[in-house]
Protein backbone atom coordinates (compact mmCIF):
# COMPACT_ATOMS: atom_id res chain seq x y z
CA UNK A 1 -54.17 -238.52 220.21
CA UNK A 2 -54.66 -239.89 223.68
CA UNK A 3 -58.03 -240.98 224.97
CA UNK A 4 -60.35 -243.75 225.93
CA UNK A 5 -60.84 -245.67 222.67
CA UNK A 6 -64.11 -247.21 223.88
CA UNK A 7 -65.66 -243.85 224.67
CA UNK A 8 -64.38 -242.17 221.50
CA UNK A 9 -65.76 -245.06 219.41
CA UNK A 10 -69.04 -244.57 221.26
CA UNK A 11 -69.21 -240.92 220.16
CA UNK A 12 -68.41 -241.71 216.53
CA UNK A 13 -70.78 -244.68 216.44
CA UNK A 14 -73.60 -242.53 217.74
CA UNK A 15 -72.96 -239.77 215.19
CA UNK A 16 -72.90 -242.30 212.36
CA UNK A 17 -76.03 -244.05 213.63
CA UNK A 18 -77.85 -240.74 213.93
CA UNK A 19 -76.85 -239.81 210.42
CA UNK A 20 -78.11 -243.10 208.99
CA UNK A 21 -81.30 -242.85 211.05
CA UNK A 22 -82.12 -239.42 209.57
CA UNK A 23 -80.57 -239.80 206.09
CA UNK A 24 -79.34 -242.37 203.64
CA UNK A 25 -75.66 -241.48 203.53
CA UNK A 26 -72.98 -240.43 205.99
CA UNK A 27 -69.61 -238.87 205.05
CA UNK A 28 -66.68 -238.71 207.48
CA UNK A 29 -63.77 -236.36 207.02
CA UNK A 30 -60.73 -236.34 209.30
CA UNK A 31 -58.19 -233.51 209.36
CA UNK A 32 -55.67 -231.78 211.59
CA UNK A 33 -56.14 -228.12 212.44
CA UNK A 34 -54.01 -226.17 214.85
CA UNK A 35 -52.86 -229.18 216.87
CA UNK A 36 -56.34 -230.74 216.97
CA UNK A 37 -57.77 -233.80 215.29
CA UNK A 38 -61.07 -232.77 213.66
CA UNK A 39 -63.66 -235.29 212.57
CA UNK A 40 -66.72 -234.08 210.61
CA UNK A 41 -69.64 -236.45 210.34
CA UNK A 42 -72.10 -235.28 207.71
CA UNK A 43 -75.43 -236.83 206.73
CA UNK A 44 -77.79 -236.14 203.85
CA UNK A 45 -80.94 -236.02 205.94
CA UNK A 46 -83.39 -233.14 206.38
CA UNK A 47 -81.20 -231.30 208.88
CA UNK A 48 -82.05 -229.96 212.32
CA UNK A 49 -84.83 -227.39 212.59
CA UNK A 50 -83.89 -223.90 213.79
CA UNK A 51 -84.32 -223.41 217.46
CA UNK A 52 -83.69 -227.08 218.33
CA UNK A 53 -80.76 -227.83 220.61
CA UNK A 54 -79.69 -231.35 219.63
CA UNK A 55 -77.42 -231.52 222.68
CA UNK A 56 -80.20 -230.89 225.18
CA UNK A 57 -80.37 -233.75 227.63
CA UNK A 58 -83.38 -235.85 226.79
CA UNK A 59 -83.96 -234.21 223.39
CA UNK A 60 -85.27 -237.07 221.35
CA UNK A 61 -85.83 -237.92 217.73
CA UNK A 62 -87.10 -241.00 215.95
CA UNK A 63 -86.14 -244.17 217.81
CA UNK A 64 -83.84 -242.29 220.16
CA UNK A 65 -83.28 -242.04 223.89
CA UNK A 66 -82.22 -238.42 223.55
CA UNK A 67 -78.95 -238.94 225.40
CA UNK A 68 -76.49 -239.77 222.61
CA UNK A 69 -75.48 -236.27 221.52
CA UNK A 70 -75.55 -234.95 225.07
CA UNK A 71 -73.29 -237.82 226.20
CA UNK A 72 -71.05 -237.36 223.14
CA UNK A 73 -70.50 -233.74 224.07
CA UNK A 74 -69.65 -234.76 227.64
CA UNK A 75 -67.17 -237.41 226.45
CA UNK A 76 -65.55 -234.96 224.06
CA UNK A 77 -65.22 -232.39 226.85
CA UNK A 78 -63.68 -234.98 229.18
CA UNK A 79 -61.01 -235.53 226.53
CA UNK A 80 -60.23 -231.80 226.26
CA UNK A 81 -62.28 -231.50 223.08
CA UNK A 82 -65.65 -230.41 221.81
CA UNK A 83 -68.63 -231.75 219.86
CA UNK A 84 -70.60 -229.15 217.98
CA UNK A 85 -73.26 -228.76 215.34
CA UNK A 86 -71.83 -227.01 212.29
CA UNK A 87 -74.14 -224.92 210.17
CA UNK A 88 -73.53 -225.18 206.47
CA UNK A 89 -75.04 -224.38 203.13
CA UNK A 90 -75.56 -227.97 202.05
CA UNK A 91 -78.56 -230.10 203.10
CA UNK A 92 -78.21 -232.46 206.02
CA UNK A 93 -76.43 -232.13 209.29
CA UNK A 94 -72.74 -231.84 210.16
CA UNK A 95 -71.40 -232.64 213.59
CA UNK A 96 -67.76 -231.76 214.32
CA UNK A 97 -65.71 -233.65 216.90
CA UNK A 98 -62.51 -231.82 217.80
CA UNK A 99 -59.85 -233.38 220.07
CA UNK A 100 -56.32 -232.35 220.98
CA UNK A 101 -53.67 -234.36 219.18
CA UNK A 102 -51.13 -236.22 221.28
CA UNK A 103 -48.18 -234.06 220.40
CA UNK A 104 -49.93 -230.96 219.08
CA UNK A 105 -49.10 -232.21 215.58
CA UNK A 106 -50.41 -234.98 213.37
């Protein structure tokens, strides 16, 4: 995929740091789906309470400025992608970063 490696590392580093701040373990899964690179970052923390928008600018948690997820979503969007919270049946939180692959194929 094409993109600014510094900014994409920033997004992933923030997701991993958030996961470790709120849990004890972070799993990362990378796949290709329909011409997109998909990165799921899953932690084993308590999860995000219903009604909370983790992407709201200034939303803050423990030891947080409240800008990381908002900025991550902006960076993903600037690369033609998306950053979203994925609801699941397992405990913890899953954030999905989806970006177009360079050639539409991996």
